[in-house]
Amino acid sequence: MSTVIRHEADHHRYVLVVDDREAGLADYRTIGQTIVFTHTEVDPSRRKHGLGSNLVKGALDDVRINSKLKVVPQCPFVADWIDVHPEYHELVERG
């Protein structure tokens, strides 16, 4: 199984591609110096395989490498993922 995280900046989302098919997405808004993750979903037939975690990690790694934005995790999945991965805490701007 090959997975790729694709940033679609024009659509304000990161897309999880598995074996050349879209399997999930993470929507966001950019507000000032923050990127607000608002919604994350994975195709129900592909859940329970860690793909949501791969998607969030890939999106956050892209934010870390390619911007100076702080992350606001409005999406509960993103917030929970960050909570259990302390190596990403420095990216977070909590309200």
C-alpha atoms as a PDB file:
ATOM      1  CA  MET A   1       0.000   0.000   0.000  1.00  0.00           C
ATOM      2  CA  SER A   2       1.483   3.348  -1.024  1.00  0.00           C
ATOM      3  CA  THR A   3       0.353   6.507   0.750  1.00  0.00           C
ATOM      4  CA  VAL A   4       0.983  10.136  -0.162  1.00  0.00           C
ATOM      5  CA  ILE A   5      -0.106  13.325   1.584  1.00  0.00           C
ATOM      6  CA  ARG A   6      -0.863  16.007  -1.004  1.00  0.00           C
ATOM      7  CA  HIS A   7      -1.269  19.671  -0.053  1.00  0.00           C
ATOM      8  CA  GLU A   8      -4.006  21.317  -2.108  1.00  0.00           C
ATOM      9  CA  ALA A   9      -3.471  24.917  -1.027  1.00  0.00           C
ATOM     10  CA  ASP A  10      -6.054  26.304  -3.477  1.00  0.00           C
ATOM     11  CA  HIS A  11      -8.695  24.146  -1.754  1.00  0.00           C
ATOM     12  CA  HIS A  12      -7.327  24.684   1.789  1.00  0.00           C
ATOM     13  CA  ARG A  13      -6.832  21.021   2.517  1.00  0.00           C
ATOM     14  CA  TYR A  14      -4.416  18.149   2.756  1.00  0.00           C
ATOM     15  CA  VAL A  15      -5.448  15.000   0.927  1.00  0.00           C
ATOM     16  CA  LEU A  16      -4.473  11.442   1.821  1.00  0.00           C
ATOM     17  CA  VAL A  17      -3.936   9.356  -1.313  1.00  0.00           C
ATOM     18  CA  VAL A  18      -3.732   5.571  -0.938  1.00  0.00           C
ATOM     19  CA  ASP A  19      -2.798   3.508  -3.974  1.00  0.00           C
ATOM     20  CA  ASP A  20      -3.618   6.465  -6.279  1.00  0.00           C
ATOM     21  CA  ARG A  21      -7.110   7.014  -4.764  1.00  0.00           C
ATOM     22  CA  GLU A  22      -8.203   9.737  -2.381  1.00  0.00           C
ATOM     23  CA  ALA A  23      -8.881   8.178   1.009  1.00  0.00           C
ATOM     24  CA  GLY A  24      -9.099  11.168   3.347  1.00  0.00           C
ATOM     25  CA  LEU A  25      -8.689  14.870   3.865  1.00  0.00           C
ATOM     26  CA  ALA A  26      -7.874  17.506   6.447  1.00  0.00           C
ATOM     27  CA  ASP A  27      -9.522  20.887   5.866  1.00  0.00           C
ATOM     28  CA  TYR A  28      -8.044  24.099   7.221  1.00  0.00           C
ATOM     29  CA  ARG A  29      -8.338  27.880   7.202  1.00  0.00           C
ATOM     30  CA  THR A  30      -5.421  30.271   7.371  1.00  0.00           C
ATOM     31  CA  ILE A  31      -6.075  33.215   9.672  1.00  0.00           C
ATOM     32  CA  GLY A  32      -3.210  35.645  10.160  1.00  0.00           C
ATOM     33  CA  GLN A  33      -0.239  33.659  11.402  1.00  0.00           C
ATOM     34  CA  THR A  34      -2.269  30.538  12.211  1.00  0.00           C
ATOM     35  CA  ILE A  35      -3.507  27.505  10.342  1.00  0.00           C
ATOM     36  CA  VAL A  36      -6.783  26.299  11.811  1.00  0.00           C
ATOM     37  CA  PHE A  37      -7.520  22.614  11.171  1.00  0.00           C
ATOM     38  CA  THR A  38     -11.308  22.420  11.082  1.00  0.00           C
ATOM     39  CA  HIS A  39     -12.194  18.934   9.857  1.00  0.00           C
ATOM     40  CA  THR A  40     -10.506  15.615   9.172  1.00  0.00           C
ATOM     41  CA  GLU A  41     -12.034  12.518   7.641  1.00  0.00           C
ATOM     42  CA  VAL A  42     -10.964   9.158   6.283  1.00  0.00           C
ATOM     43  CA  ASP A  43     -13.038   6.939   3.999  1.00  0.00           C
ATOM     44  CA  PRO A  44     -15.008   4.654   6.361  1.00  0.00           C
ATOM     45  CA  SER A  45     -13.825   1.545   4.507  1.00  0.00           C
ATOM     46  CA  ARG A  46     -10.218   2.553   5.231  1.00  0.00           C
ATOM     47  CA  ARG A  47     -10.520   3.402   8.926  1.00  0.00           C
ATOM     48  CA  LYS A  48      -8.701   1.478  11.666  1.00  0.00           C
ATOM     49  CA  HIS A  49      -5.471   1.289   9.662  1.00  0.00           C
ATOM     50  CA  GLY A  50      -3.735   4.386  11.051  1.00  0.00           C
ATOM     51  CA  LEU A  51      -4.414   6.448   7.942  1.00  0.00           C
ATOM     52  CA  GLY A  52      -5.895   9.359   9.890  1.00  0.00           C
ATOM     53  CA  SER A  53      -2.698   9.533  11.927  1.00  0.00           C
ATOM     54  CA  ASN A  54      -0.618   9.446   8.743  1.00  0.00           C
ATOM     55  CA  LEU A  55      -2.695  12.299   7.337  1.00  0.00           C
ATOM     56  CA  VAL A  56      -2.357  14.514  10.413  1.00  0.00           C
ATOM     57  CA  LYS A  57       1.368  13.804  10.768  1.00  0.00           C
ATOM     58  CA  GLY A  58       1.967  14.604   7.095  1.00  0.00           C
ATOM     59  CA  ALA A  59      -0.020  17.827   7.279  1.00  0.00           C
ATOM     60  CA  LEU A  60       1.740  18.984  10.459  1.00  0.00           C
ATOM     61  CA  ASP A  61       5.144  18.073   9.060  1.00  0.00           C
ATOM     62  CA  ASP A  62       4.373  20.201   5.995  1.00  0.00           C
ATOM     63  CA  VAL A  63       3.319  23.126   8.197  1.00  0.00           C
ATOM     64  CA  ARG A  64       6.507  22.755  10.264  1.00  0.00           C
ATOM     65  CA  ILE A  65       8.829  22.577   7.247  1.00  0.00           C
ATOM     66  CA  ASN A  66       7.173  25.028   4.842  1.00  0.00           C
ATOM     67  CA  SER A  67       5.732  27.774   7.034  1.00  0.00           C
ATOM     68  CA  LYS A  68       6.035  29.653  10.293  1.00  0.00           C
ATOM     69  CA  LEU A  69       2.330  29.276  11.035  1.00  0.00           C
ATOM     70  CA  LYS A  70       1.051  28.192  14.431  1.00  0.00           C
ATOM     71  CA  VAL A  71      -1.516  25.385  14.455  1.00  0.00           C
ATOM     72  CA  VAL A  72      -4.973  25.767  15.964  1.00  0.00           C
ATOM     73  CA  PRO A  73      -6.529  22.282  16.189  1.00  0.00           C
ATOM     74  CA  GLN A  74     -10.291  22.910  16.129  1.00  0.00           C
ATOM     75  CA  CYS A  75     -10.847  19.407  14.753  1.00  0.00           C
ATOM     76  CA  PRO A  76     -11.054  17.000  17.719  1.00  0.00           C
ATOM     77  CA  PHE A  77      -9.068  14.316  15.873  1.00  0.00           C
ATOM     78  CA  VAL A  78      -6.185  16.720  15.204  1.00  0.00           C
ATOM     79  CA  ALA A  79      -6.283  18.027  18.787  1.00  0.00           C
ATOM     80  CA  ASP A  80      -6.234  14.515  20.252  1.00  0.00           C
ATOM     81  CA  TRP A  81      -3.418  13.446  17.930  1.00  0.00           C
ATOM     82  CA  ILE A  82      -1.275  16.414  18.937  1.00  0.00           C
ATOM     83  CA  ASP A  83      -1.989  15.782  22.628  1.00  0.00           C
ATOM     84  CA  VAL A  84      -0.402  12.327  22.439  1.00  0.00           C
ATOM     85  CA  HIS A  85       2.552  13.440  20.272  1.00  0.00           C
ATOM     86  CA  PRO A  86       4.589  15.892  22.364  1.00  0.00           C
ATOM     87  CA  GLU A  87       7.069  16.438  19.546  1.00  0.00           C
ATOM     88  CA  TYR A  88       4.339  18.533  17.848  1.00  0.00           C
ATOM     89  CA  HIS A  89       3.297  20.628  20.865  1.00  0.00           C
ATOM     90  CA  GLU A  90       5.494  23.560  19.851  1.00  0.00           C
ATOM     91  CA  LEU A  91       3.397  24.040  16.708  1.00  0.00           C
ATOM     92  CA  VAL A  92       0.198  24.624  18.651  1.00  0.00           C
ATOM     93  CA  GLU A  93      -1.472  27.870  19.478  1.00  0.00           C
ATOM     94  CA  ARG A  94      -4.175  27.141  22.006  1.00  0.00           C
ATOM     95  CA  GLY A  95      -6.925  29.694  22.552  1.00  0.00           C
END
